Every structure is written in C-alpha cells, then in structure tokens.
Amino acid sequence: MKKMILQSLIISTIFLGCDSGTEQHSTLYEDAENTLSSDWHTVSGNAYPYRISAYNGSDSCVNLPVTWYKDSHGDWKNPHEYYLTLNNHNSEHILELDVGGTGMVIPHYLLGVTLDTKYGKRTLAWDSFYNHSNITPSYTEHANNSVTMVFPSPVELVRGFDYEKPTTWLHFKVDIEEYLHQFEPDNVILSIERFIATGGNLDNIKLSSR
C-alpha cells in the first residue's frame, strides 16, 4: 500500500477513468496518519477509537476495541459500537477501506453504513459470521420504518482464531447501491450518513464513485 500524505483528514480526489473517460471521485474520511478524525463517536461500550501502528505501508491506523463476554444467559456479547460521520450526498456509493493486520488478534466484528433513502433509513452491514456459518443475507424491518440488511463480508474480518493471520491486511470494497438493490431494487440512496463498525483495525476509509 502506498503511504498517503494528506493536508487534511477529509479530501476529495478526481481522476479520469482509463477506458470510459468519465470522471471518478473519491472522498477519504480517515487515514489516521497524523491524528484521528474528530467525527468518530462511540455509540455503546466504554472504549474509544485510537491510533496504533499499522505495519501496512502507512504510519498508523484506527483501532476500534472489541470485547466479547458471556452474559448471564451464556450468550456472547460485544458491547462496542462506533460510527464515523460521512454525510455524503454525492454519487460515491462504493465503500472502501483496509482491514488488518497489526499483529493483533481481533475477534468477530462487523462493518457497515447507514443511509437516507427514498424509502427511509437503511442500515447495511457486512459480517464475517455469515461467511463462517453460510447464512443467507437478512432483511429486518423495524417499527420506525427503518430496515437493517446484513450480508456476508467480501473479505475475512477476523484476525487469529484460525482465520486470517494477525498480520494480514486485506482491502474491503463493496458497492452499497448494489447490495441495497438485492432487497429493494427500486430504492434510491439520498445520502450515506455514517460508517459504522463494532471493532477492528481499519485504515484508509473512503467512499468512491464507480
């Protein structure tokens, strides 16, 4: 991975497509090179995002702590949830980031986005558990007319536990609109409000156009 040197935490880059000649855009929200974005928030749990050495060609990445424990019923729980404000009203519907990979064992977590759409609020999440257990994507409607959709992650998120090595970095890339249309083919994204996660070592979080 090329080291990214930024003047600010949020930038937009424009480059020409090699074949079509159309302009493509991307907005970088977090590379953790100098400091973390002030747009990180802890939704639940008592931990906070912080910077650690990345060992992926850049100086550092963001670590979102994961803590699994058994509750009084014997069920495993992770109390942590975080979000990064995106507030993107552009046509940048591809979510990209690097997941790693710092020599640290990282247990199960998920990544996702929250959307404002023609039909209301939508949460899309990608979860390695669906890959591990061969579970089909899920669609859950809530009382406030919002919907949560969960899909298998395109890459392994867990580090250690006989999955990916603790030092492995992988590139996570999903077309949010394509996933939304699996359940709601005629829905339209009005804005991408937040990047959400329940843990992980993450770097170079951005939204891109096709």
Protein backbone atom coordinates (compact mmCIF):
# COMPACT_ATOMS: atom_id res chain seq x y z
CA MET A 1 0.00 0.00 0.00
CA LYS A 2 1.25 3.47 -0.81
CA LYS A 3 1.73 5.82 2.06
CA MET A 4 -0.87 8.55 1.92
CA ILE A 5 0.18 12.07 2.96
CA LEU A 6 -2.76 14.44 3.43
CA GLN A 7 -3.15 18.11 4.22
CA SER A 8 -6.44 17.35 5.98
CA LEU A 9 -8.38 14.33 7.14
CA ILE A 10 -11.10 14.75 4.55
CA ILE A 11 -10.16 15.30 0.92
CA SER A 12 -11.69 14.71 -2.47
CA THR A 13 -9.70 13.43 -5.41
CA ILE A 14 -10.71 13.33 -9.05
CA PHE A 15 -9.13 11.13 -11.70
CA LEU A 16 -10.09 10.07 -15.20
CA GLY A 17 -11.30 6.55 -15.87
CA CYS A 18 -8.86 4.69 -18.09
CA ASP A 19 -11.43 3.30 -20.51
CA SER A 20 -14.64 5.28 -20.32
CA GLY A 21 -13.16 8.77 -19.94
CA THR A 22 -15.71 9.54 -17.23
CA GLU A 23 -14.67 11.31 -14.07
CA GLN A 24 -14.47 9.23 -10.92
CA HIS A 25 -14.48 10.75 -7.46
CA SER A 26 -13.45 9.56 -4.02
CA THR A 27 -13.62 11.12 -0.58
CA LEU A 28 -11.18 9.96 2.08
CA TYR A 29 -12.58 10.21 5.61
CA GLU A 30 -9.88 8.55 7.72
CA ASP A 31 -6.26 7.57 7.14
CA ALA A 32 -5.10 8.07 10.76
CA GLU A 33 -1.73 9.42 9.59
CA ASN A 34 -1.42 12.45 11.86
CA THR A 35 -4.44 12.20 14.12
CA LEU A 36 -7.88 10.67 14.11
CA SER A 37 -10.86 12.44 12.60
CA SER A 38 -12.94 14.32 15.14
CA ASP A 39 -16.01 12.73 13.54
CA TRP A 40 -15.55 9.41 15.36
CA HIS A 41 -18.16 8.63 18.03
CA THR A 42 -18.74 5.77 20.46
CA VAL A 43 -22.37 4.60 20.32
CA SER A 44 -22.12 1.96 23.03
CA GLY A 45 -19.49 0.41 25.26
CA ASN A 46 -16.80 2.14 27.30
CA ALA A 47 -13.99 2.16 24.72
CA TYR A 48 -12.95 4.80 22.20
CA PRO A 49 -11.19 4.78 18.81
CA TYR A 50 -7.44 5.32 19.00
CA ARG A 51 -4.39 5.25 16.73
CA ILE A 52 -1.95 2.35 16.58
CA SER A 53 0.96 1.42 14.30
CA ALA A 54 -0.41 -0.12 11.12
CA TYR A 55 2.55 -2.02 9.59
CA ASN A 56 0.81 -1.78 6.21
CA GLY A 57 2.93 0.83 4.45
CA SER A 58 1.37 3.74 6.31
CA ASP A 59 2.26 5.10 9.72
CA SER A 60 -0.88 4.22 11.63
CA CYS A 61 -4.47 3.03 11.54
CA VAL A 62 -7.53 3.36 13.74
CA ASN A 63 -8.19 0.65 16.31
CA LEU A 64 -11.77 0.06 17.46
CA PRO A 65 -11.57 -2.19 20.53
CA VAL A 66 -13.64 -5.38 20.58
CA THR A 67 -14.59 -7.09 23.85
CA TRP A 68 -16.55 -10.33 23.85
CA TYR A 69 -18.02 -11.75 27.05
CA LYS A 70 -20.72 -14.19 28.11
CA ASP A 71 -23.81 -12.64 29.67
CA SER A 72 -25.91 -14.17 32.46
CA HIS A 73 -27.73 -16.34 29.89
CA GLY A 74 -24.50 -17.72 28.49
CA ASP A 75 -24.76 -15.69 25.27
CA TRP A 76 -21.69 -13.99 23.80
CA LYS A 77 -21.94 -10.18 23.69
CA ASN A 78 -19.77 -7.38 22.32
CA PRO A 79 -20.96 -4.08 23.83
CA HIS A 80 -19.00 -1.84 21.48
CA GLU A 81 -20.30 0.12 18.52
CA TYR A 82 -18.70 3.10 16.80
CA TYR A 83 -19.50 5.41 13.92
CA LEU A 84 -17.71 7.89 11.69
CA THR A 85 -19.81 10.72 10.25
CA LEU A 86 -19.80 10.73 6.43
CA ASN A 87 -22.79 12.88 5.44
CA ASN A 88 -22.11 12.15 1.76
CA HIS A 89 -24.74 13.41 -0.72
CA ASN A 90 -22.63 12.68 -3.80
CA SER A 91 -22.76 9.71 -6.14
CA GLU A 92 -19.95 8.00 -4.22
CA HIS A 93 -21.63 4.70 -3.40
CA ILE A 94 -18.61 2.41 -3.13
CA LEU A 95 -17.24 1.86 0.38
CA GLU A 96 -13.53 1.03 0.56
CA LEU A 97 -11.12 0.53 3.43
CA ASP A 98 -8.24 -1.65 4.56
CA VAL A 99 -8.79 -4.16 7.35
CA GLY A 100 -5.88 -5.63 9.29
CA GLY A 101 -3.46 -6.69 10.27
CA THR A 102 -1.14 -5.19 13.05
CA GLY A 103 -0.02 -8.42 14.72
CA MET A 104 -3.04 -8.09 16.99
CA VAL A 105 -5.67 -10.82 17.38
CA ILE A 106 -9.06 -9.28 16.55
CA PRO A 107 -12.25 -11.30 17.16
CA HIS A 108 -15.53 -11.13 15.30
CA TYR A 109 -16.96 -7.72 14.36
CA LEU A 110 -18.94 -6.12 11.52
CA LEU A 111 -18.69 -3.08 9.24
CA GLY A 112 -21.49 -1.08 7.68
CA VAL A 113 -23.14 2.17 6.67
CA THR A 114 -26.35 3.99 7.49
CA LEU A 115 -28.28 5.54 4.60
CA ASP A 116 -31.04 8.01 3.96
CA THR A 117 -33.05 6.58 1.07
CA LYS A 118 -36.27 7.15 -0.85
CA TYR A 119 -37.98 4.67 1.47
CA GLY A 120 -36.43 5.87 4.72
CA LYS A 121 -33.45 4.98 6.89
CA ARG A 122 -31.46 1.89 5.96
CA THR A 123 -28.54 0.18 7.67
CA LEU A 124 -26.35 -2.15 5.61
CA ALA A 125 -23.76 -4.29 7.40
CA TRP A 126 -21.18 -6.87 6.33
CA ASP A 127 -20.27 -9.64 8.73
CA SER A 128 -17.73 -12.49 8.58
CA PHE A 129 -20.09 -14.59 10.69
CA TYR A 130 -22.26 -15.01 7.58
CA ASN A 131 -19.26 -16.42 5.71
CA HIS A 132 -18.28 -18.72 8.55
CA SER A 133 -21.78 -20.10 9.09
CA ASN A 134 -23.01 -19.97 5.47
CA ILE A 135 -26.02 -17.84 6.44
CA THR A 136 -28.02 -16.08 3.72
CA PRO A 137 -28.38 -12.26 3.81
CA SER A 138 -31.02 -10.99 6.24
CA TYR A 139 -33.63 -8.21 6.00
CA THR A 140 -35.15 -6.87 9.22
CA GLU A 141 -37.88 -4.21 9.33
CA HIS A 142 -38.20 -2.01 12.42
CA ALA A 143 -41.17 -0.19 13.92
CA ASN A 144 -39.95 3.22 12.75
CA ASN A 145 -39.96 2.10 9.09
CA SER A 146 -36.18 1.70 9.07
CA VAL A 147 -34.57 -1.51 7.81
CA THR A 148 -31.37 -3.40 8.62
CA MET A 149 -29.77 -5.60 5.96
CA VAL A 150 -26.84 -7.89 6.79
CA PHE A 151 -24.61 -9.56 4.18
CA PRO A 152 -21.53 -11.79 4.14
CA SER A 153 -18.33 -9.76 4.18
CA PRO A 154 -16.38 -9.93 0.89
CA VAL A 155 -13.16 -10.43 2.90
CA GLU A 156 -12.29 -12.01 6.22
CA LEU A 157 -12.51 -9.54 9.10
CA VAL A 158 -11.32 -11.72 11.99
CA ARG A 159 -7.59 -11.92 12.78
CA GLY A 160 -6.39 -15.06 14.52
CA PHE A 161 -8.72 -17.82 15.78
CA ASP A 162 -7.66 -19.99 12.77
CA TYR A 163 -8.99 -17.42 10.28
CA GLU A 164 -6.64 -14.77 8.82
CA LYS A 165 -3.17 -14.29 10.32
CA PRO A 166 -2.94 -11.39 12.80
CA THR A 167 -0.55 -9.56 10.43
CA THR A 168 -2.71 -9.83 7.29
CA TRP A 169 -4.14 -6.67 5.69
CA LEU A 170 -6.99 -7.00 3.18
CA HIS A 171 -8.89 -4.47 1.09
CA PHE A 172 -12.62 -4.31 1.83
CA LYS A 173 -14.70 -2.94 -1.09
CA VAL A 174 -18.48 -3.03 -1.59
CA ASP A 175 -20.91 -1.28 -3.92
CA ILE A 176 -23.52 -0.06 -1.42
CA GLU A 177 -26.17 0.54 -4.07
CA GLU A 178 -25.84 -2.98 -5.50
CA TYR A 179 -26.28 -4.51 -2.06
CA LEU A 180 -29.28 -2.28 -1.29
CA HIS A 181 -30.91 -3.37 -4.56
CA GLN A 182 -30.65 -7.05 -3.61
CA PHE A 183 -33.65 -6.44 -1.33
CA GLU A 184 -35.06 -3.15 -2.65
CA PRO A 185 -34.38 -2.92 -6.41
CA ASP A 186 -36.16 0.40 -6.89
CA ASN A 187 -34.83 2.19 -3.81
CA VAL A 188 -32.61 5.24 -4.25
CA ILE A 189 -29.75 6.41 -2.00
CA LEU A 190 -30.22 10.05 -1.00
CA SER A 191 -27.16 10.22 1.27
CA ILE A 192 -24.69 7.99 3.09
CA GLU A 193 -24.83 9.25 6.66
CA ARG A 194 -22.39 7.16 8.69
CA PHE A 195 -19.76 4.47 8.55
CA ILE A 196 -20.42 2.04 11.41
CA ALA A 197 -18.32 -0.70 12.99
CA THR A 198 -18.28 -2.86 16.09
CA GLY A 199 -14.49 -3.23 16.14
CA GLY A 200 -11.39 -3.81 14.07
CA ASN A 201 -8.11 -2.31 12.89
CA LEU A 202 -9.11 -0.07 9.98
CA ASP A 203 -7.33 2.26 7.58
CA ASN A 204 -7.98 4.47 4.53
CA ILE A 205 -11.75 4.65 4.91
CA LYS A 206 -13.31 6.27 1.85
CA LEU A 207 -16.31 6.48 -0.46
CA SER A 208 -15.77 6.30 -4.22
CA SER A 209 -17.83 6.61 -7.36
CA ARG A 210 -17.88 3.87 -10.00
